[in-house]
Amino acid sequence: MQRWILTILILITTLTLIAVVVAVRITPGNLPKNADWKQTDSGVKIYAPSSGTSSAAIATDPTTGKKILAARDGLEDFRIPEFSLISQHGDPIDHTIFEGKITILDFIFTNCLTACPPMTGNMLQVYKELEGTDVQFLSISVDPVRDTPEQLTAYADRFGIDTDRWMFLTGKEGEAVRIVNASLKFDVAIDPDDTSVITLADGSTMSNILHPIKFFLIGPNREILDFCSPTVPTDRDRLTALAREAAE
């Protein structure tokens, strides 16, 4: 066999071996960010949006079967901090509720008249779409003074929410704000717009509270993997698909 033919054959064989190794030993640092769902020859499932939008990426290690989760660009160091809150049943809940689970998280307050009702309605849609999975749902109140466990229970009942899979949390004043500021770098603030004042059931008033209008996808080590705009169907569907794949 001529030497140049042998050289080409060796080169082709080498490149093929490299491709196989890369496919099998895929890591969070090199997961593609701009591809549709696809399956490699080695059985690795990869997701990221075809639209080019930055997204978390998820793969399955073909050897161990474990999920490999890579956070959306810019979120690599974001993590839910330690905290102490209580549930709508009055039970103490801390940061360990996230550990070992895939969670969709949002921030609300029950007297909200603008962003929160559609957020909760859209979260309920995602909740129903992910029925049968191990994804858990958490809503943390940014108005703990008024949002007592009883108030949160009434709010969940109003939407027909099964709180076995979707928990509502409240606690000491400032704790929710600390979670938002420390882990998500969003702000929680009193709305300076005087026209946004909310009239409560007893006739008193309160200021509107500005808070993140996002759904956050949290990984099993409290890492923040991704977020979406809940009222944008394509973005919400993207997060739903990510949560489903991560929890399988």
C-alpha atoms as a PDB file:
ATOM      1  CA  MET A   1       0.000   0.000   0.000  1.00  0.00           C
ATOM      2  CA  GLN A   2       1.316   3.423  -0.889  1.00  0.00           C
ATOM      3  CA  ARG A   3       2.513   5.494   2.061  1.00  0.00           C
ATOM      4  CA  TRP A   4       0.150   8.435   1.393  1.00  0.00           C
ATOM      5  CA  ILE A   5      -2.900   6.144   1.427  1.00  0.00           C
ATOM      6  CA  LEU A   6      -1.754   4.616   4.717  1.00  0.00           C
ATOM      7  CA  THR A   7      -1.288   8.103   6.187  1.00  0.00           C
ATOM      8  CA  ILE A   8      -4.836   9.110   5.233  1.00  0.00           C
ATOM      9  CA  LEU A   9      -6.282   5.919   6.741  1.00  0.00           C
ATOM     10  CA  ILE A  10      -4.430   6.524  10.010  1.00  0.00           C
ATOM     11  CA  LEU A  11      -5.668  10.138  10.088  1.00  0.00           C
ATOM     12  CA  ILE A  12      -9.298   9.086   9.511  1.00  0.00           C
ATOM     13  CA  THR A  13      -9.082   6.432  12.232  1.00  0.00           C
ATOM     14  CA  THR A  14      -7.569   8.913  14.701  1.00  0.00           C
ATOM     15  CA  LEU A  15     -10.273  11.527  14.076  1.00  0.00           C
ATOM     16  CA  THR A  16     -13.000   8.909  14.492  1.00  0.00           C
ATOM     17  CA  LEU A  17     -11.599   7.815  17.855  1.00  0.00           C
ATOM     18  CA  ILE A  18     -11.405  11.406  19.040  1.00  0.00           C
ATOM     19  CA  ALA A  19     -15.042  11.973  18.084  1.00  0.00           C
ATOM     20  CA  VAL A  20     -16.147   8.898  20.031  1.00  0.00           C
ATOM     21  CA  VAL A  21     -14.215   9.957  23.144  1.00  0.00           C
ATOM     22  CA  VAL A  22     -15.697  13.453  23.055  1.00  0.00           C
ATOM     23  CA  ALA A  23     -19.222  12.084  22.673  1.00  0.00           C
ATOM     24  CA  VAL A  24     -18.850   9.711  25.609  1.00  0.00           C
ATOM     25  CA  ARG A  25     -16.983  12.018  27.962  1.00  0.00           C
ATOM     26  CA  ILE A  26     -19.073  15.120  27.446  1.00  0.00           C
ATOM     27  CA  THR A  27     -18.821  17.603  30.325  1.00  0.00           C
ATOM     28  CA  PRO A  28     -20.803  20.703  31.381  1.00  0.00           C
ATOM     29  CA  GLY A  29     -18.059  22.953  30.133  1.00  0.00           C
ATOM     30  CA  ASN A  30     -18.368  21.836  26.514  1.00  0.00           C
ATOM     31  CA  LEU A  31     -22.094  21.099  26.160  1.00  0.00           C
ATOM     32  CA  PRO A  32     -23.406  22.847  23.052  1.00  0.00           C
ATOM     33  CA  LYS A  33     -25.635  25.869  23.675  1.00  0.00           C
ATOM     34  CA  ASN A  34     -27.383  26.238  20.337  1.00  0.00           C
ATOM     35  CA  ALA A  35     -28.767  22.899  19.238  1.00  0.00           C
ATOM     36  CA  ASP A  36     -32.128  21.145  19.256  1.00  0.00           C
ATOM     37  CA  TRP A  37     -32.779  17.966  21.172  1.00  0.00           C
ATOM     38  CA  LYS A  38     -30.495  15.376  19.670  1.00  0.00           C
ATOM     39  CA  GLN A  39     -28.981  12.036  20.506  1.00  0.00           C
ATOM     40  CA  THR A  40     -25.349  11.282  19.807  1.00  0.00           C
ATOM     41  CA  ASP A  41     -24.112   7.880  18.643  1.00  0.00           C
ATOM     42  CA  SER A  42     -23.045   7.138  22.214  1.00  0.00           C
ATOM     43  CA  GLY A  43     -26.554   7.769  23.576  1.00  0.00           C
ATOM     44  CA  VAL A  44     -25.963  11.225  25.055  1.00  0.00           C
ATOM     45  CA  LYS A  45     -29.080  13.419  24.966  1.00  0.00           C
ATOM     46  CA  ILE A  46     -28.397  17.122  24.616  1.00  0.00           C
ATOM     47  CA  TYR A  47     -30.764  20.068  24.698  1.00  0.00           C
ATOM     48  CA  ALA A  48     -30.395  23.752  23.961  1.00  0.00           C
ATOM     49  CA  PRO A  49     -32.616  26.084  21.927  1.00  0.00           C
ATOM     50  CA  SER A  50     -32.323  26.317  18.170  1.00  0.00           C
ATOM     51  CA  SER A  51     -33.289  29.988  18.364  1.00  0.00           C
ATOM     52  CA  GLY A  52     -29.819  30.864  19.612  1.00  0.00           C
ATOM     53  CA  THR A  53     -31.136  31.993  23.005  1.00  0.00           C
ATOM     54  CA  SER A  54     -28.750  31.151  25.805  1.00  0.00           C
ATOM     55  CA  SER A  55     -29.997  28.181  27.793  1.00  0.00           C
ATOM     56  CA  ALA A  56     -29.017  25.594  30.323  1.00  0.00           C
ATOM     57  CA  ALA A  57     -27.760  22.379  28.740  1.00  0.00           C
ATOM     58  CA  ILE A  58     -28.484  18.859  29.905  1.00  0.00           C
ATOM     59  CA  ALA A  59     -26.891  15.547  28.993  1.00  0.00           C
ATOM     60  CA  THR A  60     -26.928  11.998  30.303  1.00  0.00           C
ATOM     61  CA  ASP A  61     -23.640  10.250  30.985  1.00  0.00           C
ATOM     62  CA  PRO A  62     -23.963   7.011  28.985  1.00  0.00           C
ATOM     63  CA  THR A  63     -21.753   5.129  31.424  1.00  0.00           C
ATOM     64  CA  THR A  64     -23.340   6.091  34.770  1.00  0.00           C
ATOM     65  CA  GLY A  65     -26.764   7.249  33.581  1.00  0.00           C
ATOM     66  CA  LYS A  66     -26.408  10.381  35.705  1.00  0.00           C
ATOM     67  CA  LYS A  67     -27.469  13.797  34.486  1.00  0.00           C
ATOM     68  CA  ILE A  68     -24.847  16.373  33.575  1.00  0.00           C
ATOM     69  CA  LEU A  69     -26.301  19.860  34.082  1.00  0.00           C
ATOM     70  CA  ALA A  70     -24.666  23.027  32.790  1.00  0.00           C
ATOM     71  CA  ALA A  71     -26.076  26.397  33.813  1.00  0.00           C
ATOM     72  CA  ARG A  72     -27.152  29.037  31.331  1.00  0.00           C
ATOM     73  CA  ASP A  73     -24.332  31.369  30.329  1.00  0.00           C
ATOM     74  CA  GLY A  74     -23.735  33.913  33.088  1.00  0.00           C
ATOM     75  CA  LEU A  75     -25.349  31.810  35.841  1.00  0.00           C
ATOM     76  CA  GLU A  76     -22.428  29.478  36.483  1.00  0.00           C
ATOM     77  CA  ASP A  77     -21.749  30.836  40.000  1.00  0.00           C
ATOM     78  CA  PHE A  78     -25.344  31.542  41.037  1.00  0.00           C
ATOM     79  CA  ARG A  79     -26.709  29.424  43.897  1.00  0.00           C
ATOM     80  CA  ILE A  80     -29.577  29.534  46.380  1.00  0.00           C
ATOM     81  CA  PRO A  81     -28.106  30.483  49.797  1.00  0.00           C
ATOM     82  CA  GLU A  82     -28.899  28.869  53.114  1.00  0.00           C
ATOM     83  CA  PHE A  83     -32.208  30.113  54.522  1.00  0.00           C
ATOM     84  CA  SER A  84     -34.952  29.399  57.034  1.00  0.00           C
ATOM     85  CA  LEU A  85     -38.652  29.822  56.164  1.00  0.00           C
ATOM     86  CA  ILE A  86     -41.986  28.162  56.932  1.00  0.00           C
ATOM     87  CA  SER A  87     -44.513  26.492  54.655  1.00  0.00           C
ATOM     88  CA  GLN A  88     -48.206  27.206  54.155  1.00  0.00           C
ATOM     89  CA  HIS A  89     -48.758  24.513  56.822  1.00  0.00           C
ATOM     90  CA  GLY A  90     -46.476  26.284  59.296  1.00  0.00           C
ATOM     91  CA  ASP A  91     -43.728  23.674  58.976  1.00  0.00           C
ATOM     92  CA  PRO A  92     -40.082  24.855  59.107  1.00  0.00           C
ATOM     93  CA  ILE A  93     -38.425  24.695  55.691  1.00  0.00           C
ATOM     94  CA  ASP A  94     -34.798  25.452  54.890  1.00  0.00           C
ATOM     95  CA  HIS A  95     -32.446  25.384  51.906  1.00  0.00           C
ATOM     96  CA  THR A  96     -32.165  21.592  52.004  1.00  0.00           C
ATOM     97  CA  ILE A  97     -35.582  21.361  50.330  1.00  0.00           C
ATOM     98  CA  PHE A  98     -33.751  22.003  47.028  1.00  0.00           C
ATOM     99  CA  GLU A  99     -31.086  19.360  47.523  1.00  0.00           C
ATOM    100  CA  GLY A 100     -31.362  16.285  45.324  1.00  0.00           C
ATOM    101  CA  LYS A 101     -34.368  17.703  43.480  1.00  0.00           C
ATOM    102  CA  ILE A 102     -35.143  19.649  40.310  1.00  0.00           C
ATOM    103  CA  THR A 103     -37.202  22.695  41.312  1.00  0.00           C
ATOM    104  CA  ILE A 104     -39.088  25.473  39.566  1.00  0.00           C
ATOM    105  CA  LEU A 105     -39.152  28.540  41.798  1.00  0.00           C
ATOM    106  CA  ASP A 106     -40.884  31.904  41.679  1.00  0.00           C
ATOM    107  CA  PHE A 107     -41.509  34.872  43.974  1.00  0.00           C
ATOM    108  CA  ILE A 108     -44.986  36.256  44.601  1.00  0.00           C
ATOM    109  CA  PHE A 109     -47.199  38.009  47.151  1.00  0.00           C
ATOM    110  CA  THR A 110     -50.835  37.133  47.562  1.00  0.00           C
ATOM    111  CA  ASN A 111     -52.240  40.675  47.442  1.00  0.00           C
ATOM    112  CA  CYS A 112     -50.543  41.375  44.114  1.00  0.00           C
ATOM    113  CA  LEU A 113     -52.980  42.572  41.441  1.00  0.00           C
ATOM    114  CA  THR A 114     -50.681  42.749  38.417  1.00  0.00           C
ATOM    115  CA  ALA A 115     -47.858  40.248  37.782  1.00  0.00           C
ATOM    116  CA  CYS A 116     -48.551  37.528  40.365  1.00  0.00           C
ATOM    117  CA  PRO A 117     -51.955  36.159  39.261  1.00  0.00           C
ATOM    118  CA  PRO A 118     -50.782  35.472  35.675  1.00  0.00           C
ATOM    119  CA  MET A 119     -47.473  34.142  37.025  1.00  0.00           C
ATOM    120  CA  THR A 120     -49.284  31.678  39.268  1.00  0.00           C
ATOM    121  CA  GLY A 121     -51.650  30.746  36.437  1.00  0.00           C
ATOM    122  CA  ASN A 122     -48.723  30.026  34.132  1.00  0.00           C
ATOM    123  CA  MET A 123     -46.881  28.141  36.868  1.00  0.00           C
ATOM    124  CA  LEU A 124     -50.013  26.017  37.290  1.00  0.00           C
ATOM    125  CA  GLN A 125     -49.886  25.209  33.566  1.00  0.00           C
ATOM    126  CA  VAL A 126     -46.241  24.104  33.841  1.00  0.00           C
ATOM    127  CA  TYR A 127     -47.127  22.167  37.003  1.00  0.00           C
ATOM    128  CA  LYS A 128     -49.805  20.231  35.112  1.00  0.00           C
ATOM    129  CA  GLU A 129     -47.521  19.604  32.131  1.00  0.00           C
ATOM    130  CA  LEU A 130     -44.899  18.115  34.466  1.00  0.00           C
ATOM    131  CA  GLU A 131     -47.352  15.937  36.365  1.00  0.00           C
ATOM    132  CA  GLY A 132     -45.852  12.497  36.861  1.00  0.00           C
ATOM    133  CA  THR A 133     -42.287  13.818  37.055  1.00  0.00           C
ATOM    134  CA  ASP A 134     -40.197  14.452  40.168  1.00  0.00           C
ATOM    135  CA  VAL A 135     -40.052  18.218  39.543  1.00  0.00           C
ATOM    136  CA  GLN A 136     -41.107  20.175  42.632  1.00  0.00           C
ATOM    137  CA  PHE A 137     -42.514  23.716  42.699  1.00  0.00           C
ATOM    138  CA  LEU A 138     -41.863  26.489  45.224  1.00  0.00           C
ATOM    139  CA  SER A 139     -43.329  29.978  45.548  1.00  0.00           C
ATOM    140  CA  ILE A 140     -41.711  32.298  48.087  1.00  0.00           C
ATOM    141  CA  SER A 141     -43.619  35.344  49.331  1.00  0.00           C
ATOM    142  CA  VAL A 142     -41.901  38.719  49.237  1.00  0.00           C
ATOM    143  CA  ASP A 143     -44.546  40.077  51.664  1.00  0.00           C
ATOM    144  CA  PRO A 144     -44.088  37.916  54.777  1.00  0.00           C
ATOM    145  CA  VAL A 145     -45.812  40.409  57.083  1.00  0.00           C
ATOM    146  CA  ARG A 146     -49.185  39.863  55.377  1.00  0.00           C
ATOM    147  CA  ASP A 147     -48.574  36.461  53.813  1.00  0.00           C
ATOM    148  CA  THR A 148     -49.080  34.235  56.806  1.00  0.00           C
ATOM    149  CA  PRO A 149     -49.320  30.461  56.345  1.00  0.00           C
ATOM    150  CA  GLU A 150     -53.117  30.812  56.442  1.00  0.00           C
ATOM    151  CA  GLN A 151     -53.039  33.465  53.733  1.00  0.00           C
ATOM    152  CA  LEU A 152     -50.794  31.302  51.544  1.00  0.00           C
ATOM    153  CA  THR A 153     -53.093  28.307  52.025  1.00  0.00           C
ATOM    154  CA  ALA A 154     -56.089  30.397  50.942  1.00  0.00           C
ATOM    155  CA  TYR A 155     -54.150  31.627  47.909  1.00  0.00           C
ATOM    156  CA  ALA A 156     -53.245  28.070  46.854  1.00  0.00           C
ATOM    157  CA  ASP A 157     -56.857  26.965  47.349  1.00  0.00           C
ATOM    158  CA  ARG A 158     -58.068  29.830  45.174  1.00  0.00           C
ATOM    159  CA  PHE A 159     -56.042  28.416  42.261  1.00  0.00           C
ATOM    160  CA  GLY A 160     -56.843  24.783  43.046  1.00  0.00           C
ATOM    161  CA  ILE A 161     -53.195  23.937  43.694  1.00  0.00           C
ATOM    162  CA  ASP A 162     -52.177  20.593  45.185  1.00  0.00           C
ATOM    163  CA  THR A 163     -49.586  21.669  47.745  1.00  0.00           C
ATOM    164  CA  ASP A 164     -48.065  18.189  47.968  1.00  0.00           C
ATOM    165  CA  ARG A 165     -45.931  19.079  44.941  1.00  0.00           C
ATOM    166  CA  TRP A 166     -46.103  22.858  45.108  1.00  0.00           C
ATOM    167  CA  MET A 167     -45.148  24.524  48.367  1.00  0.00           C
ATOM    168  CA  PHE A 168     -45.657  28.165  49.366  1.00  0.00           C
ATOM    169  CA  LEU A 169     -43.106  29.671  51.734  1.00  0.00           C
ATOM    170  CA  THR A 170     -43.026  32.698  54.015  1.00  0.00           C
ATOM    171  CA  GLY A 171     -40.973  33.682  57.058  1.00  0.00           C
ATOM    172  CA  LYS A 172     -39.137  36.462  58.775  1.00  0.00           C
ATOM    173  CA  GLU A 173     -39.172  39.863  57.123  1.00  0.00           C
ATOM    174  CA  GLY A 174     -36.147  40.308  54.886  1.00  0.00           C
ATOM    175  CA  GLU A 175     -35.401  36.607  54.396  1.00  0.00           C
ATOM    176  CA  ALA A 176     -37.002  36.368  50.944  1.00  0.00           C
ATOM    177  CA  VAL A 177     -35.335  39.621  49.910  1.00  0.00           C
ATOM    178  CA  ARG A 178     -31.980  38.199  50.972  1.00  0.00           C
ATOM    179  CA  ILE A 179     -32.539  35.076  48.868  1.00  0.00           C
ATOM    180  CA  VAL A 180     -33.381  37.164  45.811  1.00  0.00           C
ATOM    181  CA  ASN A 181     -30.499  39.589  46.249  1.00  0.00           C
ATOM    182  CA  ALA A 182     -27.832  37.102  47.319  1.00  0.00           C
ATOM    183  CA  SER A 183     -28.507  34.342  44.833  1.00  0.00           C
ATOM    184  CA  LEU A 184     -30.330  35.839  41.866  1.00  0.00           C
ATOM    185  CA  LYS A 185     -28.999  39.422  41.784  1.00  0.00           C
ATOM    186  CA  PHE A 186     -32.536  40.716  41.225  1.00  0.00           C
ATOM    187  CA  ASP A 187     -34.129  43.449  43.328  1.00  0.00           C
ATOM    188  CA  VAL A 188     -37.156  43.475  45.597  1.00  0.00           C
ATOM    189  CA  ALA A 189     -38.389  47.001  46.283  1.00  0.00           C
ATOM    190  CA  ILE A 190     -41.424  49.097  47.084  1.00  0.00           C
ATOM    191  CA  ASP A 191     -42.998  50.436  43.905  1.00  0.00           C
ATOM    192  CA  PRO A 192     -42.513  54.224  43.852  1.00  0.00           C
ATOM    193  CA  ASP A 193     -45.545  54.659  41.581  1.00  0.00           C
ATOM    194  CA  ASP A 194     -48.348  56.102  43.747  1.00  0.00           C
ATOM    195  CA  THR A 195     -50.969  54.873  41.278  1.00  0.00           C
ATOM    196  CA  SER A 196     -50.045  51.255  42.015  1.00  0.00           C
ATOM    197  CA  VAL A 197     -51.252  51.338  45.628  1.00  0.00           C
ATOM    198  CA  ILE A 198     -53.234  48.185  46.506  1.00  0.00           C
ATOM    199  CA  THR A 199     -56.472  48.330  48.509  1.00  0.00           C
ATOM    200  CA  LEU A 200     -56.799  45.319  50.813  1.00  0.00           C
ATOM    201  CA  ALA A 201     -59.931  43.443  51.848  1.00  0.00           C
ATOM    202  CA  ASP A 202     -60.164  45.309  55.174  1.00  0.00           C
ATOM    203  CA  GLY A 203     -60.035  48.695  53.431  1.00  0.00           C
ATOM    204  CA  SER A 204     -56.407  49.427  54.297  1.00  0.00           C
ATOM    205  CA  THR A 205     -53.786  49.932  51.611  1.00  0.00           C
ATOM    206  CA  MET A 206     -50.303  48.755  50.789  1.00  0.00           C
ATOM    207  CA  SER A 207     -47.703  49.669  48.209  1.00  0.00           C
ATOM    208  CA  ASN A 208     -47.076  47.374  45.285  1.00  0.00           C
ATOM    209  CA  ILE A 209     -43.894  45.305  45.633  1.00  0.00           C
ATOM    210  CA  LEU A 210     -41.482  45.051  42.705  1.00  0.00           C
ATOM    211  CA  HIS A 211     -39.917  41.582  42.460  1.00  0.00           C
ATOM    212  CA  PRO A 212     -38.571  39.147  39.846  1.00  0.00           C
ATOM    213  CA  ILE A 213     -41.214  38.153  37.294  1.00  0.00           C
ATOM    214  CA  LYS A 214     -39.410  34.966  36.340  1.00  0.00           C
ATOM    215  CA  PHE A 215     -39.528  31.221  36.794  1.00  0.00           C
ATOM    216  CA  PHE A 216     -36.167  29.882  37.977  1.00  0.00           C
ATOM    217  CA  LEU A 217     -34.917  26.349  37.316  1.00  0.00           C
ATOM    218  CA  ILE A 218     -32.913  25.137  40.326  1.00  0.00           C
ATOM    219  CA  GLY A 219     -30.636  22.093  40.222  1.00  0.00           C
ATOM    220  CA  PRO A 220     -30.106  19.394  42.882  1.00  0.00           C
ATOM    221  CA  ASN A 221     -27.166  21.243  44.447  1.00  0.00           C
ATOM    222  CA  ARG A 222     -29.111  24.519  44.750  1.00  0.00           C
ATOM    223  CA  GLU A 223     -27.451  25.796  41.579  1.00  0.00           C
ATOM    224  CA  ILE A 224     -29.498  28.177  39.444  1.00  0.00           C
ATOM    225  CA  LEU A 225     -29.560  26.581  36.009  1.00  0.00           C
ATOM    226  CA  ASP A 226     -31.885  28.829  34.030  1.00  0.00           C
ATOM    227  CA  PHE A 227     -34.876  31.169  34.126  1.00  0.00           C
ATOM    228  CA  CYS A 228     -37.700  32.179  31.822  1.00  0.00           C
ATOM    229  CA  SER A 229     -40.345  34.826  31.291  1.00  0.00           C
ATOM    230  CA  PRO A 230     -43.532  33.016  32.396  1.00  0.00           C
ATOM    231  CA  THR A 231     -45.874  34.840  30.020  1.00  0.00           C
ATOM    232  CA  VAL A 232     -43.769  34.116  26.914  1.00  0.00           C
ATOM    233  CA  PRO A 233     -44.993  30.680  25.719  1.00  0.00           C
ATOM    234  CA  THR A 234     -41.824  29.681  23.850  1.00  0.00           C
ATOM    235  CA  ASP A 235     -39.599  30.626  26.778  1.00  0.00           C
ATOM    236  CA  ARG A 236     -41.887  28.884  29.259  1.00  0.00           C
ATOM    237  CA  ASP A 237     -41.993  25.749  27.090  1.00  0.00           C
ATOM    238  CA  ARG A 238     -38.202  25.762  26.885  1.00  0.00           C
ATOM    239  CA  LEU A 239     -37.886  25.788  30.680  1.00  0.00           C
ATOM    240  CA  THR A 240     -40.548  23.095  30.992  1.00  0.00           C
ATOM    241  CA  ALA A 241     -38.613  20.840  28.580  1.00  0.00           C
ATOM    242  CA  LEU A 242     -35.393  21.434  30.489  1.00  0.00           C
ATOM    243  CA  ALA A 243     -37.035  20.612  33.820  1.00  0.00           C
ATOM    244  CA  ARG A 244     -38.575  17.425  32.449  1.00  0.00           C
ATOM    245  CA  GLU A 245     -35.299  16.194  30.974  1.00  0.00           C
ATOM    246  CA  ALA A 246     -33.301  17.104  34.093  1.00  0.00           C
ATOM    247  CA  ALA A 247     -35.714  15.209  36.354  1.00  0.00           C
ATOM    248  CA  GLU A 248     -35.881  12.002  34.273  1.00  0.00           C
END
